[in-house]
Amino acid sequence: MNYEKPNYFDLVYQVVREVPKGRVTSYGAIAHYLGLNSGARMVGYAMNAAHSMPDVPAQRVVNRQGLLTGKHHFGSPTRMQELLEADGVRIENDQVVDFEKIFWDPEKELGI
């Protein structure tokens, strides 16, 4: 039998698809949940590759301080913010307002 191990990006995308509308998570929280040694930077690479995948809400992944650090991968400087605001997330100066309140932690929400 040939068992195929899911690729790293696919694991990241599975988690990101679970982030509900109106909530955000961080690169590091996803990496920690998945037990990935490569960490937040590799989750960022996965998100950079996902900006054109309509089933992966990449806009819901921000840095650990709630900053829209991946915004330059969305085709225009304001597209990430527009998508988040359409989700009901308030943004001021490229930062999620009430970040701690709307933060979605995969470990708590999906279990270990």
Protein backbone atom coordinates (compact mmCIF):
# COMPACT_ATOMS: atom_id res chain seq x y z
CA MET A 1 0.00 0.00 0.00
CA ASN A 2 1.14 3.48 -0.78
CA TYR A 3 0.14 6.03 1.84
CA GLU A 4 0.69 9.62 0.88
CA LYS A 5 1.60 11.99 3.67
CA PRO A 6 -0.23 15.34 3.38
CA ASN A 7 2.05 18.10 2.29
CA TYR A 8 2.93 20.92 4.66
CA PHE A 9 0.95 23.61 2.82
CA ASP A 10 -2.14 21.39 2.71
CA LEU A 11 -2.02 20.96 6.51
CA VAL A 12 -1.82 24.73 6.92
CA TYR A 13 -4.73 25.26 4.51
CA GLN A 14 -6.86 22.74 6.41
CA VAL A 15 -6.45 24.80 9.59
CA VAL A 16 -7.00 28.15 7.85
CA ARG A 17 -10.27 26.88 6.34
CA GLU A 18 -11.54 26.38 9.90
CA VAL A 19 -10.99 30.01 10.99
CA PRO A 20 -14.51 31.44 11.22
CA LYS A 21 -15.65 34.66 9.62
CA GLY A 22 -15.07 37.56 12.00
CA ARG A 23 -12.04 35.94 13.65
CA VAL A 24 -8.30 35.90 12.94
CA THR A 25 -5.38 33.68 13.86
CA SER A 26 -1.62 34.01 13.59
CA TYR A 27 1.11 32.29 11.64
CA GLY A 28 2.71 31.13 14.88
CA ALA A 29 -0.52 29.73 16.33
CA ILE A 30 -1.00 27.58 13.23
CA ALA A 31 2.61 26.37 13.29
CA HIS A 32 2.35 25.54 16.99
CA TYR A 33 -0.93 23.68 16.53
CA LEU A 34 0.52 21.60 13.71
CA GLY A 35 3.73 20.92 15.63
CA LEU A 36 5.77 22.22 12.74
CA ASN A 37 9.40 22.85 13.51
CA SER A 38 9.68 25.26 10.62
CA GLY A 39 7.44 27.68 12.48
CA ALA A 40 5.59 30.81 11.58
CA ARG A 41 7.78 31.71 8.63
CA MET A 42 6.78 28.53 6.78
CA VAL A 43 3.10 29.19 7.51
CA GLY A 44 3.69 32.60 5.96
CA TYR A 45 5.09 30.95 2.83
CA ALA A 46 1.97 28.78 2.64
CA MET A 47 -0.25 31.85 2.98
CA ASN A 48 1.72 33.66 0.27
CA ALA A 49 0.91 30.79 -2.07
CA ALA A 50 -2.79 30.75 -1.05
CA HIS A 51 -3.83 34.29 -1.93
CA SER A 52 -5.38 33.09 -5.19
CA MET A 53 -7.16 30.09 -3.65
CA PRO A 54 -10.77 31.14 -3.01
CA ASP A 55 -11.42 28.31 -0.53
CA VAL A 56 -8.55 29.39 1.77
CA PRO A 57 -9.37 32.60 3.69
CA ALA A 58 -5.74 33.74 3.84
CA GLN A 59 -6.79 37.21 5.01
CA ARG A 60 -7.66 35.70 8.41
CA VAL A 61 -4.00 34.96 9.17
CA VAL A 62 -2.03 37.87 10.61
CA ASN A 63 1.13 38.23 12.64
CA ARG A 64 1.28 37.70 16.42
CA GLN A 65 0.49 41.36 17.07
CA GLY A 66 -2.48 41.48 14.72
CA LEU A 67 -0.63 43.31 11.95
CA LEU A 68 -1.51 42.73 8.29
CA THR A 69 2.04 41.77 7.37
CA GLY A 70 0.96 39.65 4.38
CA LYS A 71 -1.10 42.36 2.71
CA HIS A 72 1.30 42.81 -0.22
CA HIS A 73 0.37 39.31 -1.47
CA PHE A 74 -3.27 40.22 -2.12
CA GLY A 75 -2.90 42.08 -5.40
CA SER A 76 -3.49 45.56 -4.00
CA PRO A 77 -2.32 47.28 -0.82
CA THR A 78 -5.86 47.41 0.59
CA ARG A 79 -7.33 44.06 -0.53
CA MET A 80 -6.48 42.12 2.67
CA GLN A 81 -8.07 44.84 4.79
CA GLU A 82 -11.15 44.91 2.54
CA LEU A 83 -11.58 41.14 2.87
CA LEU A 84 -11.22 41.29 6.65
CA GLU A 85 -13.69 44.17 6.91
CA ALA A 86 -16.14 42.17 4.77
CA ASP A 87 -15.70 39.42 7.40
CA GLY A 88 -16.64 41.92 10.12
CA VAL A 89 -13.11 42.52 11.42
CA ARG A 90 -12.17 46.14 12.18
CA ILE A 91 -8.77 47.34 10.98
CA GLU A 92 -6.95 50.53 11.91
CA ASN A 93 -3.47 51.40 10.63
CA ASP A 94 -2.95 47.89 9.21
CA GLN A 95 -3.75 46.30 12.58
CA VAL A 96 -6.70 44.22 13.80
CA VAL A 97 -8.75 46.14 16.39
CA ASP A 98 -9.47 44.06 19.52
CA PHE A 99 -7.03 41.41 18.31
CA GLU A 100 -6.97 39.50 21.60
CA LYS A 101 -10.78 39.43 21.70
CA ILE A 102 -11.27 37.97 18.21
CA PHE A 103 -8.12 35.82 18.13
CA TRP A 104 -8.91 32.23 17.11
CA ASP A 105 -6.48 29.74 18.65
CA PRO A 106 -6.48 26.43 16.76
CA GLU A 107 -5.33 24.52 19.85
CA LYS A 108 -8.34 25.69 21.84
CA GLU A 109 -10.83 25.55 18.97
CA LEU A 110 -9.76 22.33 17.26
CA GLY A 111 -8.12 20.51 20.17
CA ILE A 112 -4.76 18.82 20.09
